[in-house]
Amino acid sequence: MGGIASVPGLTFDFAMLLHGEQEVVLHRPLPPQANLKTSARIAEIWDKGKAALVVLESNSSDDDGPLFTNRFSLFLRGEGGFGGEPGPKAGNQRPERDPDGVMETQLLPQQALLYRLSGDKNPLHADPEFAAMAGFDRPIIHGLCSYGVACKAIVDNVLDGDVAKVASYRARFAGVGFPGETYLTSYWKDGKTVLLEVKSKERDAIVISNAAITLR
């Protein structure tokens, strides 16, 4: 994902970048050890009016073949209006009924700083001055951190801790989360699909929407 800055013709202000959606497809359960080879490409570019949506797709394989595919949807504020197609509408709509369950997860005050250890050093998540330039009153949680918190809540409470049951997972980052907040993950079972939504308990604000985990 870090290589996107070197793509010819794709220049933008990183302070204006937001992670719009994320999808991972697990072609088979992940081995505990492997030699990985990953290739990436710009798969799609959509015109959202005030922003451009760039979809970066990466495919990772080990010695036994394809292992997983990631699709990062990057929302580039201020880069739209170039006359392109707007792209498909978000799917995975939550049902109009009460959820089958709600899990509560308490984030740490230093959650974003800990998540930086994954290698994502975007100062939006650590530097208050940089966050202010991006329009936030304080650093925000990484989208992929929220993405992982929600998946873990489902795996632990719905799938009996069996990560191998997850075949794919797609989510839309509908809002931002902040370190120290409490996440409420609601879910709805629909056959081999678990639909989910995440809210900040303190702000009653949606953080993740249009999300679904497909089961093996």
C-alpha atoms as a PDB file:
ATOM      1  CA  MET A   1       0.000   0.000   0.000  1.00  0.00           C
ATOM      2  CA  GLY A   2       2.916   2.329   0.712  1.00  0.00           C
ATOM      3  CA  GLY A   3       3.963   2.083  -2.924  1.00  0.00           C
ATOM      4  CA  ILE A   4       0.921   4.061  -4.068  1.00  0.00           C
ATOM      5  CA  ALA A   5       2.944   7.278  -3.695  1.00  0.00           C
ATOM      6  CA  SER A   6       5.202   6.176  -6.578  1.00  0.00           C
ATOM      7  CA  VAL A   7       2.429   5.377  -9.112  1.00  0.00           C
ATOM      8  CA  PRO A   8       2.949   7.643 -12.157  1.00  0.00           C
ATOM      9  CA  GLY A   9       0.202  10.258 -12.500  1.00  0.00           C
ATOM     10  CA  LEU A  10      -1.281   9.567  -9.068  1.00  0.00           C
ATOM     11  CA  THR A  11      -0.297  12.545  -6.929  1.00  0.00           C
ATOM     12  CA  PHE A  12      -2.377  13.795  -4.005  1.00  0.00           C
ATOM     13  CA  ASP A  13      -2.148  15.355  -0.552  1.00  0.00           C
ATOM     14  CA  PHE A  14      -1.752  12.531   1.979  1.00  0.00           C
ATOM     15  CA  ALA A  15      -3.428  14.699   4.627  1.00  0.00           C
ATOM     16  CA  MET A  16      -6.610  14.435   2.523  1.00  0.00           C
ATOM     17  CA  LEU A  17      -6.544  10.628   2.216  1.00  0.00           C
ATOM     18  CA  LEU A  18      -9.123   8.559   4.062  1.00  0.00           C
ATOM     19  CA  HIS A  19      -9.513   4.784   3.946  1.00  0.00           C
ATOM     20  CA  GLY A  20     -12.962   4.281   2.396  1.00  0.00           C
ATOM     21  CA  GLU A  21     -13.468   0.502   2.264  1.00  0.00           C
ATOM     22  CA  GLN A  22     -11.501  -2.680   2.775  1.00  0.00           C
ATOM     23  CA  GLU A  23     -12.020  -6.215   1.537  1.00  0.00           C
ATOM     24  CA  VAL A  24      -9.947  -9.321   2.131  1.00  0.00           C
ATOM     25  CA  VAL A  25     -10.621 -12.656   0.418  1.00  0.00           C
ATOM     26  CA  LEU A  26      -8.924 -15.645   2.038  1.00  0.00           C
ATOM     27  CA  HIS A  27      -8.494 -18.298  -0.645  1.00  0.00           C
ATOM     28  CA  ARG A  28      -7.539 -20.806   2.055  1.00  0.00           C
ATOM     29  CA  PRO A  29      -6.712 -20.689   5.773  1.00  0.00           C
ATOM     30  CA  LEU A  30      -3.479 -18.832   6.486  1.00  0.00           C
ATOM     31  CA  PRO A  31      -0.499 -21.023   7.412  1.00  0.00           C
ATOM     32  CA  PRO A  32       1.481 -20.026  10.522  1.00  0.00           C
ATOM     33  CA  GLN A  33       4.612 -19.657   8.371  1.00  0.00           C
ATOM     34  CA  ALA A  34       5.066 -18.915   4.663  1.00  0.00           C
ATOM     35  CA  ASN A  35       7.219 -17.167   2.087  1.00  0.00           C
ATOM     36  CA  LEU A  36       4.923 -14.547   0.555  1.00  0.00           C
ATOM     37  CA  LYS A  37       5.041 -12.850  -2.809  1.00  0.00           C
ATOM     38  CA  THR A  38       2.685  -9.890  -3.275  1.00  0.00           C
ATOM     39  CA  SER A  39       1.840  -7.994  -6.446  1.00  0.00           C
ATOM     40  CA  ALA A  40      -0.385  -4.906  -6.545  1.00  0.00           C
ATOM     41  CA  ARG A  41      -2.216  -2.817  -9.113  1.00  0.00           C
ATOM     42  CA  ILE A  42      -4.619   0.114  -9.331  1.00  0.00           C
ATOM     43  CA  ALA A  43      -7.830  -1.791 -10.116  1.00  0.00           C
ATOM     44  CA  GLU A  44     -10.380   1.050 -10.304  1.00  0.00           C
ATOM     45  CA  ILE A  45     -10.686   4.851 -10.074  1.00  0.00           C
ATOM     46  CA  TRP A  46     -14.118   6.383  -9.431  1.00  0.00           C
ATOM     47  CA  ASP A  47     -15.254  10.017  -9.443  1.00  0.00           C
ATOM     48  CA  LYS A  48     -17.184  10.844  -6.254  1.00  0.00           C
ATOM     49  CA  GLY A  49     -17.590  14.538  -7.058  1.00  0.00           C
ATOM     50  CA  LYS A  50     -15.626  16.146  -4.247  1.00  0.00           C
ATOM     51  CA  ALA A  51     -13.256  13.179  -4.042  1.00  0.00           C
ATOM     52  CA  ALA A  52     -11.720  10.393  -6.082  1.00  0.00           C
ATOM     53  CA  LEU A  53     -12.012   6.772  -4.975  1.00  0.00           C
ATOM     54  CA  VAL A  54      -8.938   4.737  -5.889  1.00  0.00           C
ATOM     55  CA  VAL A  55      -9.103   0.950  -5.476  1.00  0.00           C
ATOM     56  CA  LEU A  56      -5.740  -0.704  -4.887  1.00  0.00           C
ATOM     57  CA  GLU A  57      -5.768  -4.501  -5.266  1.00  0.00           C
ATOM     58  CA  SER A  58      -2.988  -6.739  -4.005  1.00  0.00           C
ATOM     59  CA  ASN A  59      -2.639 -10.505  -4.415  1.00  0.00           C
ATOM     60  CA  SER A  60      -0.456 -12.558  -2.104  1.00  0.00           C
ATOM     61  CA  SER A  61       0.728 -16.125  -2.748  1.00  0.00           C
ATOM     62  CA  ASP A  62       3.019 -18.610  -1.069  1.00  0.00           C
ATOM     63  CA  ASP A  63       4.793 -21.637  -2.532  1.00  0.00           C
ATOM     64  CA  ASP A  64       1.475 -23.540  -2.695  1.00  0.00           C
ATOM     65  CA  GLY A  65      -0.408 -20.876  -4.697  1.00  0.00           C
ATOM     66  CA  PRO A  66      -2.810 -17.961  -4.050  1.00  0.00           C
ATOM     67  CA  LEU A  67      -3.327 -17.208  -0.372  1.00  0.00           C
ATOM     68  CA  PHE A  68      -5.304 -13.950  -0.057  1.00  0.00           C
ATOM     69  CA  THR A  69      -6.448 -10.862  -1.969  1.00  0.00           C
ATOM     70  CA  ASN A  70      -6.787  -7.386  -0.463  1.00  0.00           C
ATOM     71  CA  ARG A  71      -8.749  -4.494  -1.952  1.00  0.00           C
ATOM     72  CA  PHE A  72      -8.098  -1.064  -0.417  1.00  0.00           C
ATOM     73  CA  SER A  73     -10.532   1.708  -1.366  1.00  0.00           C
ATOM     74  CA  LEU A  74      -8.783   5.044  -0.837  1.00  0.00           C
ATOM     75  CA  PHE A  75     -10.943   8.168  -0.590  1.00  0.00           C
ATOM     76  CA  LEU A  76      -8.907  11.125  -1.865  1.00  0.00           C
ATOM     77  CA  ARG A  77     -10.670  14.315  -0.795  1.00  0.00           C
ATOM     78  CA  GLY A  78     -10.429  17.194  -3.224  1.00  0.00           C
ATOM     79  CA  GLU A  79      -9.437  14.980  -6.185  1.00  0.00           C
ATOM     80  CA  GLY A  80     -12.880  14.356  -7.732  1.00  0.00           C
ATOM     81  CA  GLY A  81     -14.796  16.180 -10.430  1.00  0.00           C
ATOM     82  CA  PHE A  82     -12.764  14.827 -13.350  1.00  0.00           C
ATOM     83  CA  GLY A  83     -15.786  13.489 -15.234  1.00  0.00           C
ATOM     84  CA  GLY A  84     -15.448   9.801 -14.377  1.00  0.00           C
ATOM     85  CA  GLU A  85     -18.101   7.262 -13.407  1.00  0.00           C
ATOM     86  CA  PRO A  86     -19.209   7.335  -9.740  1.00  0.00           C
ATOM     87  CA  GLY A  87     -18.891   3.564  -9.300  1.00  0.00           C
ATOM     88  CA  PRO A  88     -21.217   1.018  -7.701  1.00  0.00           C
ATOM     89  CA  LYS A  89     -23.289   1.766  -4.630  1.00  0.00           C
ATOM     90  CA  ALA A  90     -22.365   0.196  -1.314  1.00  0.00           C
ATOM     91  CA  GLY A  91     -23.840  -3.265  -0.711  1.00  0.00           C
ATOM     92  CA  ASN A  92     -24.252  -5.415   2.395  1.00  0.00           C
ATOM     93  CA  GLN A  93     -27.140  -3.390   3.776  1.00  0.00           C
ATOM     94  CA  ARG A  94     -28.036  -4.270   7.365  1.00  0.00           C
ATOM     95  CA  PRO A  95     -31.532  -5.752   7.888  1.00  0.00           C
ATOM     96  CA  GLU A  96     -34.340  -3.571   9.242  1.00  0.00           C
ATOM     97  CA  ARG A  97     -34.669  -5.598  12.427  1.00  0.00           C
ATOM     98  CA  ASP A  98     -32.978  -5.861  15.786  1.00  0.00           C
ATOM     99  CA  PRO A  99     -29.484  -7.397  15.642  1.00  0.00           C
ATOM    100  CA  ASP A 100     -28.887 -10.977  16.668  1.00  0.00           C
ATOM    101  CA  GLY A 101     -26.299  -9.723  19.124  1.00  0.00           C
ATOM    102  CA  VAL A 102     -24.178  -6.741  20.167  1.00  0.00           C
ATOM    103  CA  MET A 103     -20.588  -6.966  21.436  1.00  0.00           C
ATOM    104  CA  GLU A 104     -18.760  -4.242  23.339  1.00  0.00           C
ATOM    105  CA  THR A 105     -15.023  -3.606  22.876  1.00  0.00           C
ATOM    106  CA  GLN A 106     -13.062  -1.038  24.867  1.00  0.00           C
ATOM    107  CA  LEU A 107     -10.242   0.597  22.894  1.00  0.00           C
ATOM    108  CA  LEU A 108      -7.081   1.685  24.674  1.00  0.00           C
ATOM    109  CA  PRO A 109      -6.164   5.391  24.918  1.00  0.00           C
ATOM    110  CA  GLN A 110      -2.913   4.507  23.084  1.00  0.00           C
ATOM    111  CA  GLN A 111      -4.669   2.223  20.567  1.00  0.00           C
ATOM    112  CA  ALA A 112      -3.570   4.157  17.454  1.00  0.00           C
ATOM    113  CA  LEU A 113       0.044   4.339  18.652  1.00  0.00           C
ATOM    114  CA  LEU A 114       0.107   0.583  19.211  1.00  0.00           C
ATOM    115  CA  TYR A 115      -1.419  -0.053  15.787  1.00  0.00           C
ATOM    116  CA  ARG A 116       1.411   1.967  14.201  1.00  0.00           C
ATOM    117  CA  LEU A 117       3.643  -1.019  15.028  1.00  0.00           C
ATOM    118  CA  SER A 118       1.974  -2.770  12.078  1.00  0.00           C
ATOM    119  CA  GLY A 119       3.948  -0.405   9.834  1.00  0.00           C
ATOM    120  CA  ASP A 120       1.292   2.219   9.050  1.00  0.00           C
ATOM    121  CA  LYS A 121       3.092   5.409  10.098  1.00  0.00           C
ATOM    122  CA  ASN A 122       0.529   7.890   8.743  1.00  0.00           C
ATOM    123  CA  PRO A 123       0.842  10.891  11.114  1.00  0.00           C
ATOM    124  CA  LEU A 124      -2.947  11.352  10.927  1.00  0.00           C
ATOM    125  CA  HIS A 125      -3.114   8.737  13.686  1.00  0.00           C
ATOM    126  CA  ALA A 126      -0.391  10.126  15.953  1.00  0.00           C
ATOM    127  CA  ASP A 127       0.286  13.830  15.350  1.00  0.00           C
ATOM    128  CA  PRO A 128      -2.378  16.292  16.637  1.00  0.00           C
ATOM    129  CA  GLU A 129      -1.155  19.084  14.332  1.00  0.00           C
ATOM    130  CA  PHE A 130      -1.317  16.846  11.254  1.00  0.00           C
ATOM    131  CA  ALA A 131      -4.778  15.622  12.314  1.00  0.00           C
ATOM    132  CA  ALA A 132      -5.911  19.257  12.615  1.00  0.00           C
ATOM    133  CA  MET A 133      -4.705  19.962   9.051  1.00  0.00           C
ATOM    134  CA  ALA A 134      -6.862  17.026   7.913  1.00  0.00           C
ATOM    135  CA  GLY A 135      -9.914  18.475   9.682  1.00  0.00           C
ATOM    136  CA  PHE A 136      -9.929  16.448  12.926  1.00  0.00           C
ATOM    137  CA  ASP A 137      -9.611  17.816  16.435  1.00  0.00           C
ATOM    138  CA  ARG A 138      -7.330  14.926  17.437  1.00  0.00           C
ATOM    139  CA  PRO A 139      -5.647  11.860  15.880  1.00  0.00           C
ATOM    140  CA  ILE A 140      -8.073   9.176  14.692  1.00  0.00           C
ATOM    141  CA  ILE A 141      -7.963   5.385  14.770  1.00  0.00           C
ATOM    142  CA  HIS A 142      -6.646   3.608  11.666  1.00  0.00           C
ATOM    143  CA  GLY A 143      -9.502   2.225   9.580  1.00  0.00           C
ATOM    144  CA  LEU A 144      -7.827  -1.179   9.517  1.00  0.00           C
ATOM    145  CA  CYS A 145      -7.570  -1.145  13.308  1.00  0.00           C
ATOM    146  CA  SER A 146     -11.356  -0.702  13.566  1.00  0.00           C
ATOM    147  CA  TYR A 147     -11.723  -3.348  10.829  1.00  0.00           C
ATOM    148  CA  GLY A 148      -9.711  -5.839  12.890  1.00  0.00           C
ATOM    149  CA  VAL A 149     -11.495  -5.042  16.164  1.00  0.00           C
ATOM    150  CA  ALA A 150     -14.861  -5.758  14.531  1.00  0.00           C
ATOM    151  CA  CYS A 151     -13.680  -9.008  12.931  1.00  0.00           C
ATOM    152  CA  LYS A 152     -12.233 -10.230  16.230  1.00  0.00           C
ATOM    153  CA  ALA A 153     -15.522  -9.484  17.980  1.00  0.00           C
ATOM    154  CA  ILE A 154     -17.360 -11.684  15.460  1.00  0.00           C
ATOM    155  CA  VAL A 155     -14.762 -14.479  15.530  1.00  0.00           C
ATOM    156  CA  ASP A 156     -14.652 -14.586  19.328  1.00  0.00           C
ATOM    157  CA  ASN A 157     -18.391 -14.333  19.990  1.00  0.00           C
ATOM    158  CA  VAL A 158     -20.084 -15.820  16.904  1.00  0.00           C
ATOM    159  CA  LEU A 159     -17.542 -18.239  15.383  1.00  0.00           C
ATOM    160  CA  ASP A 160     -16.274 -19.788  18.635  1.00  0.00           C
ATOM    161  CA  GLY A 161     -12.804 -18.370  18.025  1.00  0.00           C
ATOM    162  CA  ASP A 162     -12.310 -20.310  14.762  1.00  0.00           C
ATOM    163  CA  VAL A 163     -10.594 -17.861  12.388  1.00  0.00           C
ATOM    164  CA  ALA A 164     -10.527 -20.516   9.625  1.00  0.00           C
ATOM    165  CA  LYS A 165     -14.292 -20.030   9.195  1.00  0.00           C
ATOM    166  CA  VAL A 166     -13.705 -16.555   7.716  1.00  0.00           C
ATOM    167  CA  ALA A 167     -13.646 -16.784   3.906  1.00  0.00           C
ATOM    168  CA  SER A 168     -13.930 -13.053   3.150  1.00  0.00           C
ATOM    169  CA  TYR A 169     -14.600  -9.803   4.943  1.00  0.00           C
ATOM    170  CA  ARG A 170     -15.659  -6.475   3.481  1.00  0.00           C
ATOM    171  CA  ALA A 171     -16.418  -3.230   5.306  1.00  0.00           C
ATOM    172  CA  ARG A 172     -17.055   0.450   4.630  1.00  0.00           C
ATOM    173  CA  PHE A 173     -15.470   3.045   6.895  1.00  0.00           C
ATOM    174  CA  ALA A 174     -18.537   5.239   7.344  1.00  0.00           C
ATOM    175  CA  GLY A 175     -16.992   7.407  10.058  1.00  0.00           C
ATOM    176  CA  VAL A 176     -13.923   7.766  12.228  1.00  0.00           C
ATOM    177  CA  GLY A 177     -13.098   6.267  15.593  1.00  0.00           C
ATOM    178  CA  PHE A 178     -10.917   7.729  18.319  1.00  0.00           C
ATOM    179  CA  PRO A 179      -8.517   6.097  20.795  1.00  0.00           C
ATOM    180  CA  GLY A 180     -10.133   5.231  24.116  1.00  0.00           C
ATOM    181  CA  GLU A 181     -13.656   4.878  22.733  1.00  0.00           C
ATOM    182  CA  THR A 182     -15.985   1.927  23.214  1.00  0.00           C
ATOM    183  CA  TYR A 183     -17.043   0.083  20.051  1.00  0.00           C
ATOM    184  CA  LEU A 184     -20.442  -1.594  19.815  1.00  0.00           C
ATOM    185  CA  THR A 185     -20.424  -4.306  17.121  1.00  0.00           C
ATOM    186  CA  SER A 186     -23.930  -5.401  16.076  1.00  0.00           C
ATOM    187  CA  TYR A 187     -24.435  -8.439  13.853  1.00  0.00           C
ATOM    188  CA  TRP A 188     -27.126 -10.199  11.836  1.00  0.00           C
ATOM    189  CA  LYS A 189     -26.824 -13.814  10.692  1.00  0.00           C
ATOM    190  CA  ASP A 190     -27.957 -14.598   7.149  1.00  0.00           C
ATOM    191  CA  GLY A 191     -27.009 -18.144   6.155  1.00  0.00           C
ATOM    192  CA  LYS A 192     -23.292 -18.188   5.319  1.00  0.00           C
ATOM    193  CA  THR A 193     -23.042 -14.427   5.811  1.00  0.00           C
ATOM    194  CA  VAL A 194     -22.706 -12.363   8.977  1.00  0.00           C
ATOM    195  CA  LEU A 195     -23.651  -8.722   8.409  1.00  0.00           C
ATOM    196  CA  LEU A 196     -22.226  -6.239  10.907  1.00  0.00           C
ATOM    197  CA  GLU A 197     -22.112  -2.592  11.920  1.00  0.00           C
ATOM    198  CA  VAL A 198     -19.879  -0.782  14.412  1.00  0.00           C
ATOM    199  CA  LYS A 199     -20.771   2.311  16.432  1.00  0.00           C
ATOM    200  CA  SER A 200     -18.935   4.497  18.908  1.00  0.00           C
ATOM    201  CA  LYS A 201     -20.854   4.072  22.160  1.00  0.00           C
ATOM    202  CA  GLU A 202     -19.817   7.490  23.453  1.00  0.00           C
ATOM    203  CA  ARG A 203     -20.801   9.456  20.337  1.00  0.00           C
ATOM    204  CA  ASP A 204     -23.549   7.161  18.982  1.00  0.00           C
ATOM    205  CA  ALA A 205     -21.728   7.527  15.648  1.00  0.00           C
ATOM    206  CA  ILE A 206     -21.305   4.804  13.016  1.00  0.00           C
ATOM    207  CA  VAL A 207     -17.676   3.833  12.403  1.00  0.00           C
ATOM    208  CA  ILE A 208     -18.150   0.783  10.133  1.00  0.00           C
ATOM    209  CA  SER A 209     -21.187   0.058   7.933  1.00  0.00           C
ATOM    210  CA  ASN A 210     -22.117  -2.130   4.948  1.00  0.00           C
ATOM    211  CA  ALA A 211     -19.918  -4.859   6.361  1.00  0.00           C
ATOM    212  CA  ALA A 212     -20.155  -8.611   5.855  1.00  0.00           C
ATOM    213  CA  ILE A 213     -18.125 -11.675   6.764  1.00  0.00           C
ATOM    214  CA  THR A 214     -18.644 -14.663   4.461  1.00  0.00           C
ATOM    215  CA  LEU A 215     -18.181 -18.046   6.133  1.00  0.00           C
ATOM    216  CA  ARG A 216     -16.658 -21.245   4.815  1.00  0.00           C
END
